Amino acid sequence: MSDPGVRSVERFNAAWHRGDLTEVAACLAEDVTYSPSGWDGPAVTLRGRDVVCRAFADHLGPGPTLGAVRSAGDRVLCEWSWPAAEDGTVLHGVDLYLVRDGLIAAKDVFSKITAGR
């Protein structure tokens, strides 16, 4: 049987990939926090389901290739990467989640670019 935190994040990822904002919202705790990667602009932490869902709304749908989802207690990690750009650089990252009572209570994004060929 799979870990409940992993199942929660996999449910979230599937809803995101389908572009289903209603289901994405259903995966989030009311007091969720979201800290996007510095790649997305100035460092900021968004707070609350409604605010976080507004930030997510324009980004839903197919996106990066997702790696395995792993957990350690209430922390869940999902690796991802975008296809190589024309210059061969690749954006890689990890999303680190805090899962509480089956809902995502925090999503922190960390990313880096690796050099092309």
N, C-alpha and C. Protein backbone atom coordinates (compact mmCIF):
# COMPACT_ATOMS: atom_id res chain seq x y z
N MET A 1 0.84 -1.18 0.00
CA MET A 1 0.00 0.00 0.00
C MET A 1 0.89 1.24 0.00
N SER A 2 0.56 2.23 -0.85
CA SER A 2 1.41 3.41 -0.95
C SER A 2 1.17 4.38 0.21
N ASP A 3 2.12 5.22 0.42
CA ASP A 3 2.11 6.22 1.46
C ASP A 3 0.99 7.26 1.22
N PRO A 4 0.24 7.66 2.25
CA PRO A 4 -0.85 8.63 2.05
C PRO A 4 -0.34 9.98 1.54
N GLY A 5 0.84 10.43 1.98
CA GLY A 5 1.38 11.69 1.48
C GLY A 5 1.70 11.61 0.01
N VAL A 6 2.28 10.49 -0.41
CA VAL A 6 2.58 10.28 -1.82
C VAL A 6 1.29 10.28 -2.63
N ARG A 7 0.27 9.58 -2.14
CA ARG A 7 -1.02 9.55 -2.86
C ARG A 7 -1.59 10.96 -3.00
N SER A 8 -1.49 11.78 -1.96
CA SER A 8 -2.00 13.15 -2.01
C SER A 8 -1.30 13.97 -3.09
N VAL A 9 0.03 13.86 -3.15
CA VAL A 9 0.79 14.61 -4.14
C VAL A 9 0.53 14.06 -5.54
N GLU A 10 0.42 12.76 -5.69
CA GLU A 10 0.12 12.19 -7.00
C GLU A 10 -1.26 12.62 -7.48
N ARG A 11 -2.23 12.71 -6.58
CA ARG A 11 -3.57 13.21 -6.92
C ARG A 11 -3.46 14.67 -7.39
N PHE A 12 -2.71 15.49 -6.66
CA PHE A 12 -2.48 16.89 -7.01
C PHE A 12 -1.83 16.99 -8.39
N ASN A 13 -0.76 16.20 -8.61
CA ASN A 13 -0.06 16.25 -9.90
C ASN A 13 -0.97 15.85 -11.05
N ALA A 14 -1.80 14.85 -10.87
CA ALA A 14 -2.72 14.41 -11.92
C ALA A 14 -3.74 15.50 -12.23
N ALA A 15 -4.27 16.15 -11.20
CA ALA A 15 -5.24 17.23 -11.40
C ALA A 15 -4.57 18.40 -12.13
N TRP A 16 -3.34 18.72 -11.73
CA TRP A 16 -2.59 19.80 -12.37
C TRP A 16 -2.42 19.50 -13.86
N HIS A 17 -1.98 18.27 -14.17
CA HIS A 17 -1.73 17.87 -15.56
C HIS A 17 -3.02 17.96 -16.39
N ARG A 18 -4.16 17.64 -15.80
CA ARG A 18 -5.45 17.72 -16.51
C ARG A 18 -5.95 19.16 -16.62
N GLY A 19 -5.35 20.08 -15.86
CA GLY A 19 -5.82 21.46 -15.86
C GLY A 19 -7.06 21.66 -15.02
N ASP A 20 -7.27 20.80 -14.02
CA ASP A 20 -8.48 20.80 -13.19
C ASP A 20 -8.25 21.60 -11.91
N LEU A 21 -8.51 22.91 -11.97
CA LEU A 21 -8.27 23.78 -10.82
C LEU A 21 -9.15 23.41 -9.63
N THR A 22 -10.36 22.95 -9.87
CA THR A 22 -11.25 22.55 -8.77
C THR A 22 -10.63 21.40 -7.99
N GLU A 23 -10.10 20.41 -8.70
CA GLU A 23 -9.48 19.26 -8.03
C GLU A 23 -8.15 19.66 -7.38
N VAL A 24 -7.38 20.54 -8.03
CA VAL A 24 -6.14 21.04 -7.43
C VAL A 24 -6.48 21.68 -6.08
N ALA A 25 -7.49 22.54 -6.07
CA ALA A 25 -7.90 23.22 -4.83
C ALA A 25 -8.32 22.22 -3.76
N ALA A 26 -8.99 21.15 -4.18
CA ALA A 26 -9.44 20.13 -3.22
C ALA A 26 -8.27 19.39 -2.57
N CYS A 27 -7.10 19.47 -3.18
CA CYS A 27 -5.90 18.81 -2.63
C CYS A 27 -5.17 19.69 -1.62
N LEU A 28 -5.57 20.95 -1.50
CA LEU A 28 -4.85 21.91 -0.68
C LEU A 28 -5.55 22.19 0.64
N ALA A 29 -4.77 22.33 1.70
CA ALA A 29 -5.31 22.77 2.98
C ALA A 29 -5.75 24.22 2.86
N GLU A 30 -6.71 24.63 3.65
CA GLU A 30 -7.20 26.00 3.63
C GLU A 30 -6.06 27.00 3.88
N ASP A 31 -5.11 26.66 4.75
CA ASP A 31 -4.01 27.56 5.12
C ASP A 31 -2.71 27.23 4.38
N VAL A 32 -2.80 26.63 3.20
CA VAL A 32 -1.62 26.24 2.43
C VAL A 32 -0.70 27.44 2.18
N THR A 33 0.61 27.15 2.13
CA THR A 33 1.58 28.14 1.70
C THR A 33 2.26 27.63 0.44
N TYR A 34 2.64 28.57 -0.42
CA TYR A 34 3.32 28.23 -1.67
C TYR A 34 4.49 29.19 -1.85
N SER A 35 5.68 28.63 -1.98
CA SER A 35 6.88 29.41 -2.21
C SER A 35 7.48 28.96 -3.54
N PRO A 36 7.25 29.74 -4.61
CA PRO A 36 7.79 29.36 -5.91
C PRO A 36 9.29 29.54 -5.97
N SER A 37 9.88 28.97 -6.99
CA SER A 37 11.31 29.07 -7.22
C SER A 37 11.68 30.52 -7.55
N GLY A 38 12.89 30.90 -7.22
CA GLY A 38 13.39 32.20 -7.61
C GLY A 38 13.36 32.39 -9.12
N TRP A 39 13.36 31.30 -9.85
CA TRP A 39 13.26 31.34 -11.31
C TRP A 39 11.96 32.02 -11.73
N ASP A 40 10.92 31.93 -10.90
CA ASP A 40 9.61 32.49 -11.21
C ASP A 40 9.50 33.98 -10.86
N GLY A 41 10.56 34.59 -10.34
CA GLY A 41 10.52 36.01 -9.97
C GLY A 41 11.03 36.20 -8.56
N PRO A 42 10.74 37.38 -8.00
CA PRO A 42 11.23 37.66 -6.64
C PRO A 42 10.71 36.64 -5.63
N ALA A 43 11.52 36.40 -4.61
CA ALA A 43 11.13 35.46 -3.55
C ALA A 43 9.85 35.95 -2.88
N VAL A 44 8.91 35.05 -2.75
CA VAL A 44 7.62 35.37 -2.16
C VAL A 44 7.02 34.09 -1.61
N THR A 45 6.22 34.21 -0.58
CA THR A 45 5.43 33.08 -0.10
C THR A 45 3.97 33.50 -0.14
N LEU A 46 3.17 32.74 -0.85
CA LEU A 46 1.73 33.00 -0.93
C LEU A 46 1.05 32.17 0.13
N ARG A 47 -0.02 32.71 0.72
CA ARG A 47 -0.71 32.05 1.82
C ARG A 47 -2.21 31.98 1.59
N GLY A 48 -2.77 30.80 1.83
CA GLY A 48 -4.20 30.58 1.73
C GLY A 48 -4.60 29.95 0.41
N ARG A 49 -5.58 29.04 0.48
CA ARG A 49 -6.00 28.27 -0.71
C ARG A 49 -6.42 29.17 -1.86
N ASP A 50 -7.22 30.19 -1.61
CA ASP A 50 -7.70 31.04 -2.70
C ASP A 50 -6.56 31.78 -3.39
N VAL A 51 -5.65 32.35 -2.61
CA VAL A 51 -4.50 33.08 -3.16
C VAL A 51 -3.61 32.13 -3.96
N VAL A 52 -3.32 30.97 -3.41
CA VAL A 52 -2.47 30.00 -4.07
C VAL A 52 -3.12 29.51 -5.37
N CYS A 53 -4.41 29.24 -5.33
CA CYS A 53 -5.10 28.77 -6.55
C CYS A 53 -5.10 29.85 -7.64
N ARG A 54 -5.22 31.11 -7.27
CA ARG A 54 -5.13 32.18 -8.27
C ARG A 54 -3.74 32.17 -8.93
N ALA A 55 -2.70 31.93 -8.14
CA ALA A 55 -1.34 31.85 -8.70
C ALA A 55 -1.18 30.64 -9.61
N PHE A 56 -1.83 29.55 -9.28
CA PHE A 56 -1.72 28.32 -10.07
C PHE A 56 -2.53 28.38 -11.36
N ALA A 57 -3.60 29.15 -11.40
CA ALA A 57 -4.61 29.09 -12.46
C ALA A 57 -4.02 29.16 -13.87
N ASP A 58 -3.05 30.02 -14.10
CA ASP A 58 -2.49 30.19 -15.44
C ASP A 58 -1.38 29.20 -15.77
N HIS A 59 -1.06 28.31 -14.85
CA HIS A 59 0.06 27.40 -15.06
C HIS A 59 -0.36 25.93 -15.15
N LEU A 60 -1.64 25.65 -14.99
CA LEU A 60 -2.11 24.27 -15.01
C LEU A 60 -2.01 23.67 -16.40
N GLY A 61 -1.93 22.37 -16.45
CA GLY A 61 -1.87 21.64 -17.71
C GLY A 61 -0.56 20.88 -17.80
N PRO A 62 -0.36 20.20 -18.93
CA PRO A 62 0.87 19.44 -19.09
C PRO A 62 2.08 20.36 -18.92
N GLY A 63 3.11 19.84 -18.33
CA GLY A 63 4.28 20.66 -18.07
C GLY A 63 5.53 19.81 -18.05
N PRO A 64 6.31 19.95 -17.01
CA PRO A 64 7.57 19.21 -16.95
C PRO A 64 7.35 17.71 -16.80
N THR A 65 8.39 16.97 -17.11
CA THR A 65 8.39 15.53 -16.86
C THR A 65 8.60 15.33 -15.36
N LEU A 66 7.71 14.58 -14.74
CA LEU A 66 7.80 14.34 -13.31
C LEU A 66 8.57 13.07 -13.03
N GLY A 67 9.36 13.12 -11.98
CA GLY A 67 10.08 11.94 -11.51
C GLY A 67 9.26 11.25 -10.43
N ALA A 68 9.90 10.34 -9.75
CA ALA A 68 9.24 9.61 -8.67
C ALA A 68 8.85 10.56 -7.55
N VAL A 69 7.78 10.20 -6.87
CA VAL A 69 7.34 10.93 -5.69
C VAL A 69 7.77 10.11 -4.48
N ARG A 70 8.49 10.74 -3.56
CA ARG A 70 9.02 10.04 -2.38
C ARG A 70 8.60 10.77 -1.13
N SER A 71 8.55 10.03 -0.02
CA SER A 71 8.16 10.68 1.22
C SER A 71 9.05 10.26 2.38
N ALA A 72 9.07 11.13 3.38
CA ALA A 72 9.73 10.88 4.66
C ALA A 72 8.84 11.56 5.70
N GLY A 73 8.03 10.78 6.35
CA GLY A 73 7.09 11.36 7.31
C GLY A 73 6.06 12.21 6.58
N ASP A 74 5.90 13.46 7.04
CA ASP A 74 4.91 14.33 6.43
C ASP A 74 5.48 15.17 5.29
N ARG A 75 6.71 14.91 4.89
CA ARG A 75 7.36 15.61 3.78
C ARG A 75 7.37 14.72 2.55
N VAL A 76 7.01 15.31 1.42
CA VAL A 76 6.96 14.57 0.16
C VAL A 76 7.74 15.36 -0.87
N LEU A 77 8.54 14.66 -1.67
CA LEU A 77 9.40 15.27 -2.66
C LEU A 77 9.05 14.74 -4.04
N CYS A 78 8.96 15.63 -5.01
CA CYS A 78 8.73 15.22 -6.40
C CYS A 78 9.75 15.94 -7.29
N GLU A 79 10.58 15.17 -7.98
CA GLU A 79 11.55 15.73 -8.92
C GLU A 79 10.87 16.00 -10.25
N TRP A 80 11.39 16.97 -11.00
CA TRP A 80 10.84 17.28 -12.31
C TRP A 80 11.91 17.91 -13.19
N SER A 81 11.68 17.90 -14.51
CA SER A 81 12.57 18.59 -15.45
C SER A 81 11.78 18.94 -16.71
N TRP A 82 12.16 20.06 -17.29
CA TRP A 82 11.59 20.49 -18.57
C TRP A 82 12.46 19.92 -19.68
N PRO A 83 11.89 19.76 -20.88
CA PRO A 83 12.72 19.33 -22.01
C PRO A 83 13.83 20.35 -22.26
N ALA A 84 14.90 19.90 -22.87
CA ALA A 84 16.03 20.78 -23.17
C ALA A 84 15.61 21.93 -24.07
N ALA A 85 16.14 23.11 -23.78
CA ALA A 85 15.92 24.28 -24.62
C ALA A 85 16.79 24.16 -25.88
N GLU A 86 16.62 25.08 -26.81
CA GLU A 86 17.40 25.03 -28.05
C GLU A 86 18.90 25.04 -27.80
N ASP A 87 19.35 25.71 -26.74
CA ASP A 87 20.78 25.77 -26.44
C ASP A 87 21.24 24.57 -25.61
N GLY A 88 20.34 23.63 -25.34
CA GLY A 88 20.68 22.43 -24.60
C GLY A 88 20.53 22.54 -23.10
N THR A 89 20.26 23.74 -22.59
CA THR A 89 20.08 23.87 -21.14
C THR A 89 18.77 23.22 -20.71
N VAL A 90 18.77 22.73 -19.48
CA VAL A 90 17.60 22.05 -18.93
C VAL A 90 17.29 22.63 -17.56
N LEU A 91 16.02 22.94 -17.34
CA LEU A 91 15.57 23.39 -16.03
C LEU A 91 15.12 22.15 -15.25
N HIS A 92 15.80 21.88 -14.14
CA HIS A 92 15.50 20.77 -13.24
C HIS A 92 15.00 21.34 -11.93
N GLY A 93 14.20 20.56 -11.21
CA GLY A 93 13.79 21.03 -9.91
C GLY A 93 13.17 19.95 -9.05
N VAL A 94 12.84 20.37 -7.86
CA VAL A 94 12.09 19.53 -6.93
C VAL A 94 11.02 20.38 -6.28
N ASP A 95 9.89 19.77 -6.07
CA ASP A 95 8.83 20.36 -5.27
C ASP A 95 8.84 19.62 -3.94
N LEU A 96 8.91 20.37 -2.87
CA LEU A 96 8.89 19.80 -1.52
C LEU A 96 7.56 20.17 -0.89
N TYR A 97 6.81 19.16 -0.52
CA TYR A 97 5.47 19.34 0.05
C TYR A 97 5.45 18.97 1.53
N LEU A 98 4.61 19.66 2.26
CA LEU A 98 4.23 19.26 3.61
C LEU A 98 2.78 18.80 3.49
N VAL A 99 2.52 17.55 3.85
CA VAL A 99 1.17 17.00 3.76
C VAL A 99 0.64 16.79 5.17
N ARG A 100 -0.54 17.33 5.41
CA ARG A 100 -1.17 17.25 6.73
C ARG A 100 -2.61 16.79 6.55
N ASP A 101 -2.98 15.71 7.21
CA ASP A 101 -4.35 15.18 7.13
C ASP A 101 -4.80 14.94 5.69
N GLY A 102 -3.86 14.46 4.85
CA GLY A 102 -4.20 14.13 3.47
C GLY A 102 -4.26 15.32 2.54
N LEU A 103 -3.95 16.52 3.04
CA LEU A 103 -3.99 17.73 2.20
C LEU A 103 -2.60 18.37 2.16
N ILE A 104 -2.32 19.04 1.07
CA ILE A 104 -1.05 19.73 0.93
C ILE A 104 -1.12 21.03 1.73
N ALA A 105 -0.24 21.13 2.73
CA ALA A 105 -0.21 22.31 3.59
C ALA A 105 0.88 23.29 3.16
N ALA A 106 1.87 22.82 2.39
CA ALA A 106 2.92 23.70 1.87
C ALA A 106 3.50 23.07 0.61
N LYS A 107 3.86 23.95 -0.33
CA LYS A 107 4.54 23.54 -1.57
C LYS A 107 5.68 24.53 -1.78
N ASP A 108 6.92 24.03 -1.70
CA ASP A 108 8.10 24.84 -1.91
C ASP A 108 8.80 24.32 -3.15
N VAL A 109 9.19 25.23 -4.04
CA VAL A 109 9.81 24.84 -5.31
C VAL A 109 11.26 25.28 -5.34
N PHE A 110 12.13 24.34 -5.74
CA PHE A 110 13.56 24.59 -5.87
C PHE A 110 13.97 24.18 -7.25
N SER A 111 14.76 25.03 -7.94
CA SER A 111 15.13 24.68 -9.32
C SER A 111 16.53 25.20 -9.67
N LYS A 112 17.07 24.62 -10.73
CA LYS A 112 18.36 25.06 -11.26
C LYS A 112 18.39 24.74 -12.75
N ILE A 113 19.25 25.45 -13.44
CA ILE A 113 19.46 25.22 -14.87
C ILE A 113 20.80 24.53 -15.04
N THR A 114 20.80 23.46 -15.82
CA THR A 114 22.08 22.81 -16.12
C THR A 114 22.50 23.21 -17.53
N ALA A 115 23.80 23.30 -17.73
CA ALA A 115 24.37 23.77 -18.98
C ALA A 115 24.06 22.83 -20.13
N GLY A 116 23.99 23.43 -21.29
CA GLY A 116 23.76 22.66 -22.50
C GLY A 116 25.03 22.02 -23.01
N ARG A 117 24.93 21.41 -24.13
CA ARG A 117 26.06 20.69 -24.72
C ARG A 117 27.15 21.63 -25.15
